[in-house]
Amino acid sequence: MIGSLWFPLTCRIHHKKIIEAATQINKIDHFIDEAKEKLGKLFKESGNQEIVNNLKISFSEIRYHQKELRQLDSYTSQLNQNFFFHIQSHYENISDKDLQLLAFIILRMESKKIGRAMDISSESVYKKRYRLRKKLQLNKDESFLDFYQKTLREI
């Protein structure tokens, strides 16, 4: 009895932490994109090498922390192993790429970032999401996150 209550609670706690970390990754990605653009403009306008060097050091530090956060992919897979096992055993036509896409969606990654991670275009991400929705038999008003939470309660 305790085990059956403990597992869903643990999954919910870890899921919340994973969502927070994924949000942080997205913020870092956005910051890096903006900062690169500003750095280019700053260098062209001022030519102040000290400022440019300080920004490059900051970029290096951010990239280092970003790599640590990206290790969540393997951590997420471990935490949600039962979820993905359940999906594979109940939906026979789900591929590994579908599971990867589902993991990214659950982490609330933007389609553009999912496309980069899967090495496909944003348009392909939308098509894959649509096909995955059909494979999982989701209603139009049911989100992937709703599906995820509902499935965790059933496990």
C-alpha atoms as a PDB file:
ATOM      1  CA  MET A   1       0.000   0.000   0.000  1.00  0.00           C
ATOM      2  CA  ILE A   2       2.718   2.483   0.981  1.00  0.00           C
ATOM      3  CA  GLY A   3       4.702   1.618  -2.157  1.00  0.00           C
ATOM      4  CA  SER A   4       1.712   2.272  -4.388  1.00  0.00           C
ATOM      5  CA  LEU A   5       1.309   5.732  -2.842  1.00  0.00           C
ATOM      6  CA  TRP A   6       5.027   6.517  -2.697  1.00  0.00           C
ATOM      7  CA  PHE A   7       5.847   5.979  -6.381  1.00  0.00           C
ATOM      8  CA  PRO A   8       3.325   8.452  -7.883  1.00  0.00           C
ATOM      9  CA  LEU A   9       4.243  11.063  -5.261  1.00  0.00           C
ATOM     10  CA  THR A  10       7.950  10.616  -6.001  1.00  0.00           C
ATOM     11  CA  CYS A  11       7.302  10.891  -9.752  1.00  0.00           C
ATOM     12  CA  ARG A  12       5.335  14.108  -9.252  1.00  0.00           C
ATOM     13  CA  ILE A  13       8.087  15.654  -7.124  1.00  0.00           C
ATOM     14  CA  HIS A  14      10.792  14.693  -9.616  1.00  0.00           C
ATOM     15  CA  HIS A  15       8.634  15.792 -12.541  1.00  0.00           C
ATOM     16  CA  LYS A  16       8.281  19.247 -10.977  1.00  0.00           C
ATOM     17  CA  LYS A  17      12.059  19.481 -10.536  1.00  0.00           C
ATOM     18  CA  ILE A  18      12.614  18.391 -14.128  1.00  0.00           C
ATOM     19  CA  ILE A  19      10.139  20.991 -15.401  1.00  0.00           C
ATOM     20  CA  GLU A  20      11.939  23.687 -13.409  1.00  0.00           C
ATOM     21  CA  ALA A  21      15.309  22.606 -14.816  1.00  0.00           C
ATOM     22  CA  ALA A  22      13.947  22.480 -18.369  1.00  0.00           C
ATOM     23  CA  THR A  23      12.585  25.982 -17.935  1.00  0.00           C
ATOM     24  CA  GLN A  24      16.029  27.073 -16.793  1.00  0.00           C
ATOM     25  CA  ILE A  25      17.582  25.480 -19.888  1.00  0.00           C
ATOM     26  CA  ASN A  26      15.174  27.406 -22.121  1.00  0.00           C
ATOM     27  CA  LYS A  27      15.990  30.662 -20.316  1.00  0.00           C
ATOM     28  CA  ILE A  28      19.712  30.019 -20.758  1.00  0.00           C
ATOM     29  CA  ASP A  29      19.257  29.254 -24.466  1.00  0.00           C
ATOM     30  CA  HIS A  30      17.279  32.474 -24.920  1.00  0.00           C
ATOM     31  CA  PHE A  31      19.874  34.485 -23.010  1.00  0.00           C
ATOM     32  CA  ILE A  32      22.721  33.039 -25.062  1.00  0.00           C
ATOM     33  CA  ASP A  33      20.971  33.864 -28.335  1.00  0.00           C
ATOM     34  CA  GLU A  34      20.317  37.456 -27.240  1.00  0.00           C
ATOM     35  CA  ALA A  35      23.776  37.909 -25.782  1.00  0.00           C
ATOM     36  CA  LYS A  36      25.492  36.666 -28.937  1.00  0.00           C
ATOM     37  CA  GLU A  37      23.583  39.223 -30.970  1.00  0.00           C
ATOM     38  CA  LYS A  38      24.409  42.034 -28.558  1.00  0.00           C
ATOM     39  CA  LEU A  39      28.054  40.981 -28.375  1.00  0.00           C
ATOM     40  CA  GLY A  40      28.387  41.217 -32.126  1.00  0.00           C
ATOM     41  CA  LYS A  41      26.879  44.705 -32.164  1.00  0.00           C
ATOM     42  CA  LEU A  42      28.984  45.840 -29.218  1.00  0.00           C
ATOM     43  CA  PHE A  43      32.212  44.694 -30.794  1.00  0.00           C
ATOM     44  CA  LYS A  44      31.416  46.419 -34.070  1.00  0.00           C
ATOM     45  CA  GLU A  45      30.380  49.679 -32.401  1.00  0.00           C
ATOM     46  CA  SER A  46      32.922  50.086 -29.625  1.00  0.00           C
ATOM     47  CA  GLY A  47      35.843  47.828 -30.381  1.00  0.00           C
ATOM     48  CA  ASN A  48      36.359  47.596 -26.583  1.00  0.00           C
ATOM     49  CA  GLN A  49      38.189  44.299 -26.255  1.00  0.00           C
ATOM     50  CA  GLU A  50      37.952  44.132 -22.430  1.00  0.00           C
ATOM     51  CA  ILE A  51      34.150  44.115 -22.518  1.00  0.00           C
ATOM     52  CA  VAL A  52      34.164  41.499 -25.273  1.00  0.00           C
ATOM     53  CA  ASN A  53      36.582  39.288 -23.312  1.00  0.00           C
ATOM     54  CA  ASN A  54      34.444  39.519 -20.163  1.00  0.00           C
ATOM     55  CA  LEU A  55      31.370  38.539 -22.154  1.00  0.00           C
ATOM     56  CA  LYS A  56      33.216  35.585 -23.702  1.00  0.00           C
ATOM     57  CA  ILE A  57      34.126  34.367 -20.213  1.00  0.00           C
ATOM     58  CA  SER A  58      30.485  34.692 -19.172  1.00  0.00           C
ATOM     59  CA  PHE A  59      29.440  32.681 -22.244  1.00  0.00           C
ATOM     60  CA  SER A  60      31.902  29.944 -21.336  1.00  0.00           C
ATOM     61  CA  GLU A  61      30.517  29.729 -17.810  1.00  0.00           C
ATOM     62  CA  ILE A  62      26.936  29.610 -19.068  1.00  0.00           C
ATOM     63  CA  ARG A  63      27.762  26.928 -21.627  1.00  0.00           C
ATOM     64  CA  TYR A  64      29.368  24.852 -18.872  1.00  0.00           C
ATOM     65  CA  HIS A  65      26.230  25.061 -16.719  1.00  0.00           C
ATOM     66  CA  GLN A  66      24.037  24.411 -19.728  1.00  0.00           C
ATOM     67  CA  LYS A  67      25.844  21.109 -20.362  1.00  0.00           C
ATOM     68  CA  GLU A  68      25.134  20.087 -16.776  1.00  0.00           C
ATOM     69  CA  LEU A  69      21.454  20.864 -17.226  1.00  0.00           C
ATOM     70  CA  ARG A  70      21.313  18.922 -20.479  1.00  0.00           C
ATOM     71  CA  GLN A  71      22.319  15.823 -18.543  1.00  0.00           C
ATOM     72  CA  LEU A  72      18.730  15.866 -17.343  1.00  0.00           C
ATOM     73  CA  ASP A  73      17.839  13.899 -20.461  1.00  0.00           C
ATOM     74  CA  SER A  74      19.364  10.758 -18.999  1.00  0.00           C
ATOM     75  CA  TYR A  75      18.070  11.631 -15.522  1.00  0.00           C
ATOM     76  CA  THR A  76      14.591  12.133 -16.930  1.00  0.00           C
ATOM     77  CA  SER A  77      14.759   8.794 -18.690  1.00  0.00           C
ATOM     78  CA  GLN A  78      15.673   7.087 -15.422  1.00  0.00           C
ATOM     79  CA  LEU A  79      12.954   8.828 -13.405  1.00  0.00           C
ATOM     80  CA  ASN A  80      10.287   8.171 -15.986  1.00  0.00           C
ATOM     81  CA  GLN A  81      11.400   4.686 -16.921  1.00  0.00           C
ATOM     82  CA  ASN A  82       8.076   3.244 -15.772  1.00  0.00           C
ATOM     83  CA  PHE A  83       6.147   5.859 -17.724  1.00  0.00           C
ATOM     84  CA  PHE A  84       7.989   5.091 -20.953  1.00  0.00           C
ATOM     85  CA  PHE A  85       7.788   1.343 -20.345  1.00  0.00           C
ATOM     86  CA  HIS A  86       4.040   1.745 -19.905  1.00  0.00           C
ATOM     87  CA  ILE A  87       3.788   3.702 -23.164  1.00  0.00           C
ATOM     88  CA  GLN A  88       5.823   1.113 -25.084  1.00  0.00           C
ATOM     89  CA  SER A  89       3.784  -1.779 -23.719  1.00  0.00           C
ATOM     90  CA  HIS A  90       0.386  -0.157 -24.311  1.00  0.00           C
ATOM     91  CA  TYR A  91       1.047   1.570 -27.647  1.00  0.00           C
ATOM     92  CA  GLU A  92       2.768  -0.871 -29.988  1.00  0.00           C
ATOM     93  CA  ASN A  93       3.379   1.555 -32.841  1.00  0.00           C
ATOM     94  CA  ILE A  94       5.396   4.045 -30.734  1.00  0.00           C
ATOM     95  CA  SER A  95       8.998   4.411 -31.936  1.00  0.00           C
ATOM     96  CA  ASP A  96      12.067   5.495 -29.987  1.00  0.00           C
ATOM     97  CA  LYS A  97      11.930   8.852 -31.793  1.00  0.00           C
ATOM     98  CA  ASP A  98       8.302   9.214 -30.682  1.00  0.00           C
ATOM     99  CA  LEU A  99       9.369   8.599 -27.087  1.00  0.00           C
ATOM    100  CA  GLN A 100      12.158  11.152 -27.430  1.00  0.00           C
ATOM    101  CA  LEU A 101       9.708  13.708 -28.797  1.00  0.00           C
ATOM    102  CA  LEU A 102       7.272  12.930 -25.989  1.00  0.00           C
ATOM    103  CA  ALA A 103      10.024  13.469 -23.407  1.00  0.00           C
ATOM    104  CA  PHE A 104      10.883  16.860 -24.919  1.00  0.00           C
ATOM    105  CA  ILE A 105       7.214  17.861 -24.999  1.00  0.00           C
ATOM    106  CA  ILE A 106       6.735  16.834 -21.375  1.00  0.00           C
ATOM    107  CA  LEU A 107       9.732  19.006 -20.504  1.00  0.00           C
ATOM    108  CA  ARG A 108       7.898  21.893 -22.216  1.00  0.00           C
ATOM    109  CA  MET A 109      10.626  22.522 -24.758  1.00  0.00           C
ATOM    110  CA  GLU A 110       9.747  24.839 -27.617  1.00  0.00           C
ATOM    111  CA  SER A 111       9.339  23.272 -31.051  1.00  0.00           C
ATOM    112  CA  LYS A 112      12.330  25.208 -32.355  1.00  0.00           C
ATOM    113  CA  LYS A 113      14.557  23.732 -29.635  1.00  0.00           C
ATOM    114  CA  ILE A 114      13.101  20.269 -30.111  1.00  0.00           C
ATOM    115  CA  GLY A 115      13.922  20.584 -33.798  1.00  0.00           C
ATOM    116  CA  ARG A 116      17.527  21.444 -32.995  1.00  0.00           C
ATOM    117  CA  ALA A 117      17.821  18.574 -30.525  1.00  0.00           C
ATOM    118  CA  MET A 118      16.322  16.067 -32.985  1.00  0.00           C
ATOM    119  CA  ASP A 119      18.068  17.603 -35.987  1.00  0.00           C
ATOM    120  CA  ILE A 120      14.829  18.315 -37.838  1.00  0.00           C
ATOM    121  CA  SER A 121      12.956  21.465 -38.860  1.00  0.00           C
ATOM    122  CA  SER A 122      10.320  23.109 -36.669  1.00  0.00           C
ATOM    123  CA  GLU A 123       7.738  22.176 -39.287  1.00  0.00           C
ATOM    124  CA  SER A 124       8.730  18.514 -38.954  1.00  0.00           C
ATOM    125  CA  VAL A 125       8.317  18.801 -35.185  1.00  0.00           C
ATOM    126  CA  TYR A 126       4.710  19.954 -35.670  1.00  0.00           C
ATOM    127  CA  LYS A 127       4.024  17.038 -38.009  1.00  0.00           C
ATOM    128  CA  LYS A 128       5.604  14.564 -35.593  1.00  0.00           C
ATOM    129  CA  ARG A 129       3.574  16.004 -32.713  1.00  0.00           C
ATOM    130  CA  TYR A 130       0.399  15.567 -34.765  1.00  0.00           C
ATOM    131  CA  ARG A 131       1.277  11.948 -35.596  1.00  0.00           C
ATOM    132  CA  LEU A 132       2.215  11.218 -31.987  1.00  0.00           C
ATOM    133  CA  ARG A 133      -1.100  12.649 -30.841  1.00  0.00           C
ATOM    134  CA  LYS A 134      -2.870  10.188 -33.171  1.00  0.00           C
ATOM    135  CA  LYS A 135      -0.740   7.244 -31.995  1.00  0.00           C
ATOM    136  CA  LEU A 136      -1.540   8.043 -28.355  1.00  0.00           C
ATOM    137  CA  GLN A 137      -5.219   8.555 -29.236  1.00  0.00           C
ATOM    138  CA  LEU A 138      -5.354  11.986 -27.621  1.00  0.00           C
ATOM    139  CA  ASN A 139      -8.410  14.177 -27.982  1.00  0.00           C
ATOM    140  CA  LYS A 140      -7.936  17.644 -29.440  1.00  0.00           C
ATOM    141  CA  ASP A 141      -8.565  19.219 -26.041  1.00  0.00           C
ATOM    142  CA  GLU A 142      -6.152  16.887 -24.193  1.00  0.00           C
ATOM    143  CA  SER A 143      -2.574  18.105 -23.939  1.00  0.00           C
ATOM    144  CA  PHE A 144       0.488  15.898 -23.785  1.00  0.00           C
ATOM    145  CA  LEU A 145       1.031  17.059 -20.200  1.00  0.00           C
ATOM    146  CA  ASP A 146      -2.530  16.030 -19.290  1.00  0.00           C
ATOM    147  CA  PHE A 147      -1.847  12.651 -20.872  1.00  0.00           C
ATOM    148  CA  TYR A 148       1.429  12.325 -18.963  1.00  0.00           C
ATOM    149  CA  GLN A 149      -0.139  13.161 -15.609  1.00  0.00           C
ATOM    150  CA  LYS A 150      -3.109  10.893 -16.231  1.00  0.00           C
ATOM    151  CA  THR A 151      -0.793   8.034 -17.185  1.00  0.00           C
ATOM    152  CA  LEU A 152       1.338   8.519 -14.064  1.00  0.00           C
ATOM    153  CA  ARG A 153      -1.792   8.245 -11.925  1.00  0.00           C
ATOM    154  CA  GLU A 154      -2.705   4.982 -13.672  1.00  0.00           C
ATOM    155  CA  ILE A 155       0.711   3.380 -13.231  1.00  0.00           C
END
